[in-house]
Amino acid sequence: MGYLAIVDLGSNSTRFVIEKLQADGTFQEIERIKRDTRLAEGMEQNGGRLTEVAMQRVFDAVAEFQAIVQTYQDLEIIGIATAAVREAKNQAQFVKRLQENYQFEIRVLTGDQEAYYDYLGAMSALNHINNAWLLDTGGASIELVGIEDRMAVNFISLPFGAVNLAERFNLNGPESIDGVALTEAEQYIDQEYDVLPWLECDQQPIILLGGANRTLARLDRMRQGYEDYGSFHGYQMAVDQVQTIFDDLRKMNHQERAAILGAEANRADIIISGLLPLMQLVEVTGTTKVIFSSSGVREGILQEYRLEHDTIISNL
């Protein structure tokens, strides 16, 4: 059978996976690479345009992926881009450079599409959950989904995330977080949530996706003394555990956060802003626990691809 590669140009990282399509329609992961490219970095100060430095980081990652792709035969590539590219005023120029210099085409997902793929990927891997909120916190956006009886009844993408919140409210400095700046960021998020009539107090769990949320899971697992920190899918935390970790991180300066984050020290400047959408969502919904999912947009696209493949096979 053939291979399917997915290249995901996210606002904070660029990810690359190769999956082998099995005879039964399932996938086997062959390659997985992540590069911290911070594509959304500097957009706030650059008039809503992707900066040359950030774009070059992505181009370097794509060139690396391209070299790997060339070693495979019978391979189909799906390229996607999310909030940073979606919102960028120089989106067309960025996409054109990818096409001309790397023969690489991308599909810029709408916010609704990104939220839908998040839902599809997460629910395909969390079979025991019927009702929940879903929150995916990226570098330049969050995706929110209301799930009832395993169906997505409401979903939206909002234009703030770990990177642009940090830049907008100066939450990425070397010292501990300024209380006034933090309050302003919280109020901004609350205003965005207030206009969503379907977002209400309901103690159903929150399914979490995104880098900052994954870091939260890893920190808690370390505190619990787990030896294997790699797999966190399905891991659960009580809200008071979430609050404790957030409060501890908030009191630290950049150097102290980097030390406790260890291998993820590069998130020290955006971990507070990355967790803020969750903290404010907890207040709105009154939830008592969160559940982590390692399946999101890319897995949602794989699910869609598999369903389309099954339909084609059944019609032959």
C-alpha atoms as a PDB file:
ATOM      1  CA  MET A   1       0.000   0.000   0.000  1.00  0.00           C
ATOM      2  CA  GLY A   2       1.026   3.646  -0.321  1.00  0.00           C
ATOM      3  CA  TYR A   3       2.180   6.292   2.095  1.00  0.00           C
ATOM      4  CA  LEU A   4       0.586   9.514   3.274  1.00  0.00           C
ATOM      5  CA  ALA A   5       2.644  12.449   4.574  1.00  0.00           C
ATOM      6  CA  ILE A   6       1.108  15.320   6.512  1.00  0.00           C
ATOM      7  CA  VAL A   7       3.025  18.559   6.915  1.00  0.00           C
ATOM      8  CA  ASP A   8       1.444  20.840   9.509  1.00  0.00           C
ATOM      9  CA  LEU A   9       2.648  24.453   9.545  1.00  0.00           C
ATOM     10  CA  GLY A  10       1.475  25.508  12.973  1.00  0.00           C
ATOM     11  CA  SER A  11       1.844  28.893  14.611  1.00  0.00           C
ATOM     12  CA  ASN A  12       4.425  27.645  17.113  1.00  0.00           C
ATOM     13  CA  SER A  13       5.816  24.452  15.571  1.00  0.00           C
ATOM     14  CA  THR A  14       6.084  22.677  12.240  1.00  0.00           C
ATOM     15  CA  ARG A  15       5.264  18.980  12.304  1.00  0.00           C
ATOM     16  CA  PHE A  16       5.774  16.199   9.815  1.00  0.00           C
ATOM     17  CA  VAL A  17       4.422  12.652   9.851  1.00  0.00           C
ATOM     18  CA  ILE A  18       4.490   9.805   7.356  1.00  0.00           C
ATOM     19  CA  GLU A  19       1.843   7.107   7.661  1.00  0.00           C
ATOM     20  CA  LYS A  20       1.692   3.816   5.806  1.00  0.00           C
ATOM     21  CA  LEU A  21      -1.789   2.910   4.638  1.00  0.00           C
ATOM     22  CA  GLN A  22      -2.571  -0.693   5.548  1.00  0.00           C
ATOM     23  CA  ALA A  23      -4.786  -3.051   3.562  1.00  0.00           C
ATOM     24  CA  ASP A  24      -7.542  -2.751   6.171  1.00  0.00           C
ATOM     25  CA  GLY A  25      -7.622   1.049   5.830  1.00  0.00           C
ATOM     26  CA  THR A  26      -5.734   1.782   9.054  1.00  0.00           C
ATOM     27  CA  PHE A  27      -2.446   3.680   9.283  1.00  0.00           C
ATOM     28  CA  GLN A  28       0.960   2.797  10.677  1.00  0.00           C
ATOM     29  CA  GLU A  29       3.138   5.739  11.674  1.00  0.00           C
ATOM     30  CA  ILE A  30       6.570   5.583  10.046  1.00  0.00           C
ATOM     31  CA  GLU A  31       8.078   9.023  10.681  1.00  0.00           C
ATOM     32  CA  ARG A  32       7.307  11.848  13.124  1.00  0.00           C
ATOM     33  CA  ILE A  33       9.347  15.051  13.348  1.00  0.00           C
ATOM     34  CA  LYS A  34       8.672  18.328  15.152  1.00  0.00           C
ATOM     35  CA  ARG A  35      10.556  21.579  14.734  1.00  0.00           C
ATOM     36  CA  ASP A  36      10.017  24.651  16.906  1.00  0.00           C
ATOM     37  CA  THR A  37       9.614  27.310  14.223  1.00  0.00           C
ATOM     38  CA  ARG A  38       7.519  29.999  16.003  1.00  0.00           C
ATOM     39  CA  LEU A  39       5.875  31.187  12.786  1.00  0.00           C
ATOM     40  CA  ALA A  40       3.579  33.571  14.691  1.00  0.00           C
ATOM     41  CA  GLU A  41       6.491  35.238  16.473  1.00  0.00           C
ATOM     42  CA  GLY A  42       6.747  38.952  15.789  1.00  0.00           C
ATOM     43  CA  MET A  43       3.453  39.301  13.902  1.00  0.00           C
ATOM     44  CA  GLU A  44       2.059  41.644  16.541  1.00  0.00           C
ATOM     45  CA  GLN A  45       4.948  44.062  16.002  1.00  0.00           C
ATOM     46  CA  ASN A  46       5.106  43.496  12.238  1.00  0.00           C
ATOM     47  CA  GLY A  47       1.671  44.807  11.338  1.00  0.00           C
ATOM     48  CA  GLY A  48       0.070  41.374  11.164  1.00  0.00           C
ATOM     49  CA  ARG A  49       2.643  40.053   8.706  1.00  0.00           C
ATOM     50  CA  LEU A  50       4.810  36.960   9.059  1.00  0.00           C
ATOM     51  CA  THR A  51       8.398  38.034   9.680  1.00  0.00           C
ATOM     52  CA  GLU A  52      11.216  37.001   7.354  1.00  0.00           C
ATOM     53  CA  VAL A  53      13.076  35.314  10.212  1.00  0.00           C
ATOM     54  CA  ALA A  54      10.045  33.221  11.210  1.00  0.00           C
ATOM     55  CA  MET A  55       9.267  32.258   7.620  1.00  0.00           C
ATOM     56  CA  GLN A  56      12.876  31.146   7.079  1.00  0.00           C
ATOM     57  CA  ARG A  57      12.640  28.823  10.088  1.00  0.00           C
ATOM     58  CA  VAL A  58       9.646  27.152   8.425  1.00  0.00           C
ATOM     59  CA  PHE A  59      11.370  27.001   5.034  1.00  0.00           C
ATOM     60  CA  ASP A  60      14.352  25.265   6.642  1.00  0.00           C
ATOM     61  CA  ALA A  61      12.035  22.704   8.254  1.00  0.00           C
ATOM     62  CA  VAL A  62      10.187  22.100   4.968  1.00  0.00           C
ATOM     63  CA  ALA A  63      13.502  21.566   3.170  1.00  0.00           C
ATOM     64  CA  GLU A  64      14.409  18.957   5.775  1.00  0.00           C
ATOM     65  CA  PHE A  65      11.074  17.202   5.315  1.00  0.00           C
ATOM     66  CA  GLN A  66      11.379  17.411   1.545  1.00  0.00           C
ATOM     67  CA  ALA A  67      14.660  15.458   1.651  1.00  0.00           C
ATOM     68  CA  ILE A  68      12.942  12.693   3.632  1.00  0.00           C
ATOM     69  CA  VAL A  69       9.919  12.582   1.325  1.00  0.00           C
ATOM     70  CA  GLN A  70      12.149  11.988  -1.678  1.00  0.00           C
ATOM     71  CA  THR A  71      13.260   8.663  -0.208  1.00  0.00           C
ATOM     72  CA  TYR A  72       9.708   7.275  -0.456  1.00  0.00           C
ATOM     73  CA  GLN A  73       7.783   5.991  -3.451  1.00  0.00           C
ATOM     74  CA  ASP A  74       4.009   6.049  -3.851  1.00  0.00           C
ATOM     75  CA  LEU A  75       3.636   8.860  -1.341  1.00  0.00           C
ATOM     76  CA  GLU A  76       0.874  11.477  -1.191  1.00  0.00           C
ATOM     77  CA  ILE A  77       1.485  14.740   0.660  1.00  0.00           C
ATOM     78  CA  ILE A  78      -1.139  16.794   2.476  1.00  0.00           C
ATOM     79  CA  GLY A  79       0.099  20.191   3.618  1.00  0.00           C
ATOM     80  CA  ILE A  80      -1.897  22.318   6.028  1.00  0.00           C
ATOM     81  CA  ALA A  81      -1.381  25.667   7.742  1.00  0.00           C
ATOM     82  CA  THR A  82      -3.290  27.092  10.659  1.00  0.00           C
ATOM     83  CA  ALA A  83      -3.800  30.395  12.478  1.00  0.00           C
ATOM     84  CA  ALA A  84      -0.555  32.283  11.830  1.00  0.00           C
ATOM     85  CA  VAL A  85      -0.814  31.786   8.069  1.00  0.00           C
ATOM     86  CA  ARG A  86      -4.587  32.168   8.152  1.00  0.00           C
ATOM     87  CA  GLU A  87      -4.319  35.601   9.787  1.00  0.00           C
ATOM     88  CA  ALA A  88      -1.159  36.838   8.049  1.00  0.00           C
ATOM     89  CA  LYS A  89      -1.463  39.813   5.719  1.00  0.00           C
ATOM     90  CA  ASN A  90       1.348  38.338   3.626  1.00  0.00           C
ATOM     91  CA  GLN A  91      -0.245  34.893   3.462  1.00  0.00           C
ATOM     92  CA  ALA A  92      -0.243  34.853  -0.362  1.00  0.00           C
ATOM     93  CA  GLN A  93       3.468  35.653  -0.599  1.00  0.00           C
ATOM     94  CA  PHE A  94       4.358  32.978   1.959  1.00  0.00           C
ATOM     95  CA  VAL A  95       2.316  30.314   0.183  1.00  0.00           C
ATOM     96  CA  LYS A  96       3.786  31.316  -3.180  1.00  0.00           C
ATOM     97  CA  ARG A  97       7.351  30.977  -1.888  1.00  0.00           C
ATOM     98  CA  LEU A  98       6.585  27.490  -0.594  1.00  0.00           C
ATOM     99  CA  GLN A  99       5.216  26.485  -3.963  1.00  0.00           C
ATOM    100  CA  GLU A 100       7.993  28.025  -6.045  1.00  0.00           C
ATOM    101  CA  ASN A 101      11.020  27.122  -3.925  1.00  0.00           C
ATOM    102  CA  TYR A 102       9.969  23.775  -2.454  1.00  0.00           C
ATOM    103  CA  GLN A 103       7.234  22.515  -4.813  1.00  0.00           C
ATOM    104  CA  PHE A 104       5.074  22.319  -1.746  1.00  0.00           C
ATOM    105  CA  GLU A 105       1.396  23.219  -1.687  1.00  0.00           C
ATOM    106  CA  ILE A 106      -0.532  23.895   1.487  1.00  0.00           C
ATOM    107  CA  ARG A 107      -4.162  24.174   2.384  1.00  0.00           C
ATOM    108  CA  VAL A 108      -4.796  27.057   4.751  1.00  0.00           C
ATOM    109  CA  LEU A 109      -7.456  25.758   7.124  1.00  0.00           C
ATOM    110  CA  THR A 110     -10.282  28.015   8.182  1.00  0.00           C
ATOM    111  CA  GLY A 111     -10.855  28.283  11.919  1.00  0.00           C
ATOM    112  CA  ASP A 112     -13.965  26.110  11.654  1.00  0.00           C
ATOM    113  CA  GLN A 113     -12.069  23.454   9.715  1.00  0.00           C
ATOM    114  CA  GLU A 114      -9.281  23.392  12.288  1.00  0.00           C
ATOM    115  CA  ALA A 115     -11.788  22.995  15.114  1.00  0.00           C
ATOM    116  CA  TYR A 116     -13.604  20.230  13.225  1.00  0.00           C
ATOM    117  CA  TYR A 117     -10.410  18.241  12.611  1.00  0.00           C
ATOM    118  CA  ASP A 118      -9.481  18.653  16.288  1.00  0.00           C
ATOM    119  CA  TYR A 119     -12.848  17.182  17.232  1.00  0.00           C
ATOM    120  CA  LEU A 120     -12.599  14.347  14.702  1.00  0.00           C
ATOM    121  CA  GLY A 121      -9.088  13.394  15.790  1.00  0.00           C
ATOM    122  CA  ALA A 122      -9.740  13.570  19.524  1.00  0.00           C
ATOM    123  CA  MET A 123     -13.034  11.711  19.534  1.00  0.00           C
ATOM    124  CA  SER A 124     -11.669   8.937  17.341  1.00  0.00           C
ATOM    125  CA  ALA A 125      -9.129   8.237  20.096  1.00  0.00           C
ATOM    126  CA  LEU A 126     -11.244   8.860  23.226  1.00  0.00           C
ATOM    127  CA  ASN A 127     -14.041   6.330  22.932  1.00  0.00           C
ATOM    128  CA  HIS A 128     -15.276   6.643  26.506  1.00  0.00           C
ATOM    129  CA  ILE A 129     -16.242  10.338  26.404  1.00  0.00           C
ATOM    130  CA  ASN A 130     -19.737  11.406  25.378  1.00  0.00           C
ATOM    131  CA  ASN A 131     -20.019  15.005  26.586  1.00  0.00           C
ATOM    132  CA  ALA A 132     -17.144  17.446  26.904  1.00  0.00           C
ATOM    133  CA  TRP A 133     -15.616  20.740  25.986  1.00  0.00           C
ATOM    134  CA  LEU A 134     -12.577  20.586  23.707  1.00  0.00           C
ATOM    135  CA  LEU A 135      -9.818  23.205  23.823  1.00  0.00           C
ATOM    136  CA  ASP A 136      -6.851  23.264  21.463  1.00  0.00           C
ATOM    137  CA  THR A 137      -4.393  26.025  22.368  1.00  0.00           C
ATOM    138  CA  GLY A 138      -2.002  26.862  19.561  1.00  0.00           C
ATOM    139  CA  GLY A 139       0.489  29.635  19.017  1.00  0.00           C
ATOM    140  CA  ALA A 140      -1.904  32.148  17.452  1.00  0.00           C
ATOM    141  CA  SER A 141      -5.398  30.740  18.003  1.00  0.00           C
ATOM    142  CA  ILE A 142      -7.509  28.499  20.150  1.00  0.00           C
ATOM    143  CA  GLU A 143     -10.175  26.122  18.917  1.00  0.00           C
ATOM    144  CA  LEU A 144     -13.215  25.465  21.094  1.00  0.00           C
ATOM    145  CA  VAL A 145     -15.737  22.674  20.547  1.00  0.00           C
ATOM    146  CA  GLY A 146     -18.867  21.794  22.491  1.00  0.00           C
ATOM    147  CA  ILE A 147     -19.493  18.042  22.331  1.00  0.00           C
ATOM    148  CA  GLU A 148     -22.802  16.395  23.180  1.00  0.00           C
ATOM    149  CA  ASP A 149     -23.427  12.662  22.705  1.00  0.00           C
ATOM    150  CA  ARG A 150     -20.094  12.532  20.841  1.00  0.00           C
ATOM    151  CA  MET A 151     -21.320  15.091  18.291  1.00  0.00           C
ATOM    152  CA  ALA A 152     -19.772  18.530  17.738  1.00  0.00           C
ATOM    153  CA  VAL A 153     -22.747  20.813  18.347  1.00  0.00           C
ATOM    154  CA  ASN A 154     -20.753  24.067  18.492  1.00  0.00           C
ATOM    155  CA  PHE A 155     -17.247  24.980  17.416  1.00  0.00           C
ATOM    156  CA  ILE A 156     -15.208  28.122  16.841  1.00  0.00           C
ATOM    157  CA  SER A 157     -11.658  29.381  16.424  1.00  0.00           C
ATOM    158  CA  LEU A 158     -10.589  32.507  18.312  1.00  0.00           C
ATOM    159  CA  PRO A 159      -7.517  34.551  17.241  1.00  0.00           C
ATOM    160  CA  PHE A 160      -5.345  34.307  20.339  1.00  0.00           C
ATOM    161  CA  GLY A 161      -2.858  31.729  21.515  1.00  0.00           C
ATOM    162  CA  ALA A 162       0.367  31.195  23.424  1.00  0.00           C
ATOM    163  CA  VAL A 163       2.626  33.294  21.193  1.00  0.00           C
ATOM    164  CA  ASN A 164       0.455  36.298  20.357  1.00  0.00           C
ATOM    165  CA  LEU A 165      -0.977  36.569  23.887  1.00  0.00           C
ATOM    166  CA  ALA A 166       2.563  36.633  25.268  1.00  0.00           C
ATOM    167  CA  GLU A 167       3.580  39.375  22.845  1.00  0.00           C
ATOM    168  CA  ARG A 168       0.421  41.454  23.173  1.00  0.00           C
ATOM    169  CA  PHE A 169       0.391  41.525  26.985  1.00  0.00           C
ATOM    170  CA  ASN A 170       4.153  41.320  27.613  1.00  0.00           C
ATOM    171  CA  LEU A 171       3.954  37.972  29.381  1.00  0.00           C
ATOM    172  CA  ASN A 172       7.261  36.760  27.921  1.00  0.00           C
ATOM    173  CA  GLY A 173       9.812  38.851  29.811  1.00  0.00           C
ATOM    174  CA  PRO A 174      12.743  37.593  31.923  1.00  0.00           C
ATOM    175  CA  GLU A 175      11.148  38.475  35.247  1.00  0.00           C
ATOM    176  CA  SER A 176       8.120  36.985  36.989  1.00  0.00           C
ATOM    177  CA  ILE A 177       4.751  37.791  35.419  1.00  0.00           C
ATOM    178  CA  ASP A 178       3.426  41.283  36.116  1.00  0.00           C
ATOM    179  CA  GLY A 179       0.070  41.040  37.884  1.00  0.00           C
ATOM    180  CA  VAL A 180      -1.488  43.942  35.963  1.00  0.00           C
ATOM    181  CA  ALA A 181      -0.481  42.474  32.600  1.00  0.00           C
ATOM    182  CA  LEU A 182      -1.827  39.085  33.599  1.00  0.00           C
ATOM    183  CA  THR A 183      -5.163  40.595  34.650  1.00  0.00           C
ATOM    184  CA  GLU A 184      -5.437  42.461  31.340  1.00  0.00           C
ATOM    185  CA  ALA A 185      -4.832  39.225  29.432  1.00  0.00           C
ATOM    186  CA  GLU A 186      -7.428  37.395  31.529  1.00  0.00           C
ATOM    187  CA  GLN A 187      -9.991  40.141  30.919  1.00  0.00           C
ATOM    188  CA  TYR A 188      -9.315  40.024  27.180  1.00  0.00           C
ATOM    189  CA  ILE A 189      -9.929  36.276  27.070  1.00  0.00           C
ATOM    190  CA  ASP A 190     -13.054  36.626  29.202  1.00  0.00           C
ATOM    191  CA  GLN A 191     -14.451  39.174  26.729  1.00  0.00           C
ATOM    192  CA  GLU A 192     -13.867  36.743  23.884  1.00  0.00           C
ATOM    193  CA  TYR A 193     -15.612  33.955  25.785  1.00  0.00           C
ATOM    194  CA  ASP A 194     -18.521  36.187  26.852  1.00  0.00           C
ATOM    195  CA  VAL A 195     -19.842  36.502  23.278  1.00  0.00           C
ATOM    196  CA  LEU A 196     -20.281  32.719  22.937  1.00  0.00           C
ATOM    197  CA  PRO A 197     -23.829  31.976  24.153  1.00  0.00           C
ATOM    198  CA  TRP A 198     -23.230  28.222  24.078  1.00  0.00           C
ATOM    199  CA  LEU A 199     -20.223  28.455  26.385  1.00  0.00           C
ATOM    200  CA  GLU A 200     -21.840  28.071  29.788  1.00  0.00           C
ATOM    201  CA  CYS A 201     -21.339  26.650  33.245  1.00  0.00           C
ATOM    202  CA  ASP A 202     -21.360  22.899  32.760  1.00  0.00           C
ATOM    203  CA  GLN A 203     -19.106  20.626  34.751  1.00  0.00           C
ATOM    204  CA  GLN A 204     -18.376  18.233  31.913  1.00  0.00           C
ATOM    205  CA  PRO A 205     -14.631  17.610  31.376  1.00  0.00           C
ATOM    206  CA  ILE A 206     -12.374  19.645  29.097  1.00  0.00           C
ATOM    207  CA  ILE A 207     -10.408  17.716  26.485  1.00  0.00           C
ATOM    208  CA  LEU A 208      -7.037  19.409  25.999  1.00  0.00           C
ATOM    209  CA  LEU A 209      -4.842  19.596  22.917  1.00  0.00           C
ATOM    210  CA  GLY A 210      -1.893  21.816  22.031  1.00  0.00           C
ATOM    211  CA  GLY A 211       1.683  22.228  23.161  1.00  0.00           C
ATOM    212  CA  ALA A 212       1.119  24.271  26.318  1.00  0.00           C
ATOM    213  CA  ASN A 213      -1.503  21.820  27.513  1.00  0.00           C
ATOM    214  CA  ARG A 214       0.780  18.870  26.804  1.00  0.00           C
ATOM    215  CA  THR A 215       3.442  20.578  28.896  1.00  0.00           C
ATOM    216  CA  LEU A 216       0.934  20.860  31.736  1.00  0.00           C
ATOM    217  CA  ALA A 217       0.358  17.098  31.583  1.00  0.00           C
ATOM    218  CA  ARG A 218       4.076  16.366  31.599  1.00  0.00           C
ATOM    219  CA  LEU A 219       4.689  18.626  34.588  1.00  0.00           C
ATOM    220  CA  ASP A 220       1.942  16.901  36.547  1.00  0.00           C
ATOM    221  CA  ARG A 221       3.184  13.441  35.617  1.00  0.00           C
ATOM    222  CA  MET A 222       6.661  14.411  36.789  1.00  0.00           C
ATOM    223  CA  ARG A 223       5.188  15.590  40.096  1.00  0.00           C
ATOM    224  CA  GLN A 224       3.382  12.281  40.412  1.00  0.00           C
ATOM    225  CA  GLY A 225       6.650  10.421  39.947  1.00  0.00           C
ATOM    226  CA  TYR A 226       5.905   8.682  36.655  1.00  0.00           C
ATOM    227  CA  GLU A 227       9.003   7.227  35.019  1.00  0.00           C
ATOM    228  CA  ASP A 228       7.577   7.259  31.494  1.00  0.00           C
ATOM    229  CA  TYR A 229       6.720  10.823  30.484  1.00  0.00           C
ATOM    230  CA  GLY A 230       6.214  10.065  26.797  1.00  0.00           C
ATOM    231  CA  SER A 231       2.592   8.930  26.650  1.00  0.00           C
ATOM    232  CA  PHE A 232      -0.050  11.223  28.119  1.00  0.00           C
ATOM    233  CA  HIS A 233      -3.061  10.369  25.946  1.00  0.00           C
ATOM    234  CA  GLY A 234      -6.095   9.917  28.187  1.00  0.00           C
ATOM    235  CA  TYR A 235      -4.258  11.298  31.217  1.00  0.00           C
ATOM    236  CA  GLN A 236      -6.547  13.182  33.602  1.00  0.00           C
ATOM    237  CA  MET A 237      -6.002  15.985  36.077  1.00  0.00           C
ATOM    238  CA  ALA A 238      -8.272  17.516  38.685  1.00  0.00           C
ATOM    239  CA  VAL A 239      -8.727  21.257  38.321  1.00  0.00           C
ATOM    240  CA  ASP A 240      -7.052  21.959  41.655  1.00  0.00           C
ATOM    241  CA  GLN A 241      -3.910  20.237  40.332  1.00  0.00           C
ATOM    242  CA  VAL A 242      -4.058  22.447  37.233  1.00  0.00           C
ATOM    243  CA  GLN A 243      -4.432  25.567  39.367  1.00  0.00           C
ATOM    244  CA  THR A 244      -1.499  24.620  41.603  1.00  0.00           C
ATOM    245  CA  ILE A 245       0.885  24.171  38.679  1.00  0.00           C
ATOM    246  CA  PHE A 246      -0.278  27.398  37.024  1.00  0.00           C
ATOM    247  CA  ASP A 247       0.152  29.379  40.249  1.00  0.00           C
ATOM    248  CA  ASP A 248       3.647  27.961  40.758  1.00  0.00           C
ATOM    249  CA  LEU A 249       4.709  28.819  37.193  1.00  0.00           C
ATOM    250  CA  ARG A 250       3.228  32.305  37.448  1.00  0.00           C
ATOM    251  CA  LYS A 251       5.413  33.137  40.457  1.00  0.00           C
ATOM    252  CA  MET A 252       8.624  32.056  38.694  1.00  0.00           C
ATOM    253  CA  ASN A 253      10.858  34.148  36.476  1.00  0.00           C
ATOM    254  CA  HIS A 254      11.887  32.990  33.008  1.00  0.00           C
ATOM    255  CA  GLN A 255      15.029  31.220  34.186  1.00  0.00           C
ATOM    256  CA  GLU A 256      13.167  29.323  36.889  1.00  0.00           C
ATOM    257  CA  ARG A 257      10.417  28.259  34.471  1.00  0.00           C
ATOM    258  CA  ALA A 258      13.031  27.097  31.953  1.00  0.00           C
ATOM    259  CA  ALA A 259      14.694  24.987  34.632  1.00  0.00           C
ATOM    260  CA  ILE A 260      11.504  23.232  35.689  1.00  0.00           C
ATOM    261  CA  LEU A 261      10.404  22.687  32.069  1.00  0.00           C
ATOM    262  CA  GLY A 262      13.649  20.867  31.287  1.00  0.00           C
ATOM    263  CA  ALA A 263      13.545  19.537  27.729  1.00  0.00           C
ATOM    264  CA  GLU A 264      10.738  21.995  26.969  1.00  0.00           C
ATOM    265  CA  ALA A 265      12.638  25.032  28.251  1.00  0.00           C
ATOM    266  CA  ASN A 266      11.945  26.795  24.961  1.00  0.00           C
ATOM    267  CA  ARG A 267       8.356  27.212  26.179  1.00  0.00           C
ATOM    268  CA  ALA A 268       9.385  29.181  29.254  1.00  0.00           C
ATOM    269  CA  ASP A 269       8.390  32.495  27.654  1.00  0.00           C
ATOM    270  CA  ILE A 270       4.962  31.305  26.464  1.00  0.00           C
ATOM    271  CA  ILE A 271       3.827  28.715  28.997  1.00  0.00           C
ATOM    272  CA  ILE A 272       1.807  31.209  31.077  1.00  0.00           C
ATOM    273  CA  SER A 273       0.077  32.703  28.043  1.00  0.00           C
ATOM    274  CA  GLY A 274      -0.413  29.177  26.699  1.00  0.00           C
ATOM    275  CA  LEU A 275      -2.282  28.078  29.819  1.00  0.00           C
ATOM    276  CA  LEU A 276      -4.406  31.222  30.220  1.00  0.00           C
ATOM    277  CA  PRO A 277      -7.158  30.138  27.774  1.00  0.00           C
ATOM    278  CA  LEU A 278      -7.596  26.965  29.832  1.00  0.00           C
ATOM    279  CA  MET A 279      -7.608  28.774  33.167  1.00  0.00           C
ATOM    280  CA  GLN A 280     -10.307  31.179  32.003  1.00  0.00           C
ATOM    281  CA  LEU A 281     -12.325  28.363  30.417  1.00  0.00           C
ATOM    282  CA  VAL A 282     -12.262  26.518  33.741  1.00  0.00           C
ATOM    283  CA  GLU A 283     -13.829  29.568  35.390  1.00  0.00           C
ATOM    284  CA  VAL A 284     -16.563  29.813  32.760  1.00  0.00           C
ATOM    285  CA  THR A 285     -17.511  26.128  32.678  1.00  0.00           C
ATOM    286  CA  GLY A 286     -16.926  25.156  36.297  1.00  0.00           C
ATOM    287  CA  THR A 287     -15.359  21.904  35.147  1.00  0.00           C
ATOM    288  CA  THR A 288     -13.672  19.705  37.734  1.00  0.00           C
ATOM    289  CA  LYS A 289     -11.246  17.768  35.521  1.00  0.00           C
ATOM    290  CA  VAL A 290      -9.317  17.886  32.267  1.00  0.00           C
ATOM    291  CA  ILE A 291      -8.421  15.022  29.927  1.00  0.00           C
ATOM    292  CA  PHE A 292      -5.463  15.138  27.554  1.00  0.00           C
ATOM    293  CA  SER A 293      -5.540  13.967  23.958  1.00  0.00           C
ATOM    294  CA  SER A 294      -2.535  13.317  21.745  1.00  0.00           C
ATOM    295  CA  SER A 295      -4.857  13.141  18.736  1.00  0.00           C
ATOM    296  CA  GLY A 296      -5.899  16.373  17.077  1.00  0.00           C
ATOM    297  CA  VAL A 297      -5.833  18.063  13.676  1.00  0.00           C
ATOM    298  CA  ARG A 298      -3.427  15.680  11.950  1.00  0.00           C
ATOM    299  CA  GLU A 299      -5.244  12.604  13.255  1.00  0.00           C
ATOM    300  CA  GLY A 300      -8.547  14.185  12.207  1.00  0.00           C
ATOM    301  CA  ILE A 301      -7.225  14.549   8.673  1.00  0.00           C
ATOM    302  CA  LEU A 302      -6.090  10.915   8.755  1.00  0.00           C
ATOM    303  CA  GLN A 303      -9.593   9.884   9.841  1.00  0.00           C
ATOM    304  CA  GLU A 304     -11.146  11.834   6.991  1.00  0.00           C
ATOM    305  CA  TYR A 305      -8.680  10.332   4.524  1.00  0.00           C
ATOM    306  CA  ARG A 306      -9.414   6.822   5.791  1.00  0.00           C
ATOM    307  CA  LEU A 307     -13.178   7.328   5.522  1.00  0.00           C
ATOM    308  CA  GLU A 308     -12.819   8.624   1.970  1.00  0.00           C
ATOM    309  CA  HIS A 309     -10.526   5.703   1.109  1.00  0.00           C
ATOM    310  CA  ASP A 310     -13.039   3.197   2.533  1.00  0.00           C
ATOM    311  CA  THR A 311     -15.820   4.791   0.490  1.00  0.00           C
ATOM    312  CA  ILE A 312     -13.781   4.520  -2.707  1.00  0.00           C
ATOM    313  CA  ILE A 313     -12.927   0.864  -2.002  1.00  0.00           C
ATOM    314  CA  SER A 314     -16.544  -0.020  -1.214  1.00  0.00           C
ATOM    315  CA  ASN A 315     -17.696   1.540  -4.499  1.00  0.00           C
ATOM    316  CA  LEU A 316     -15.263  -0.459  -6.643  1.00  0.00           C
END
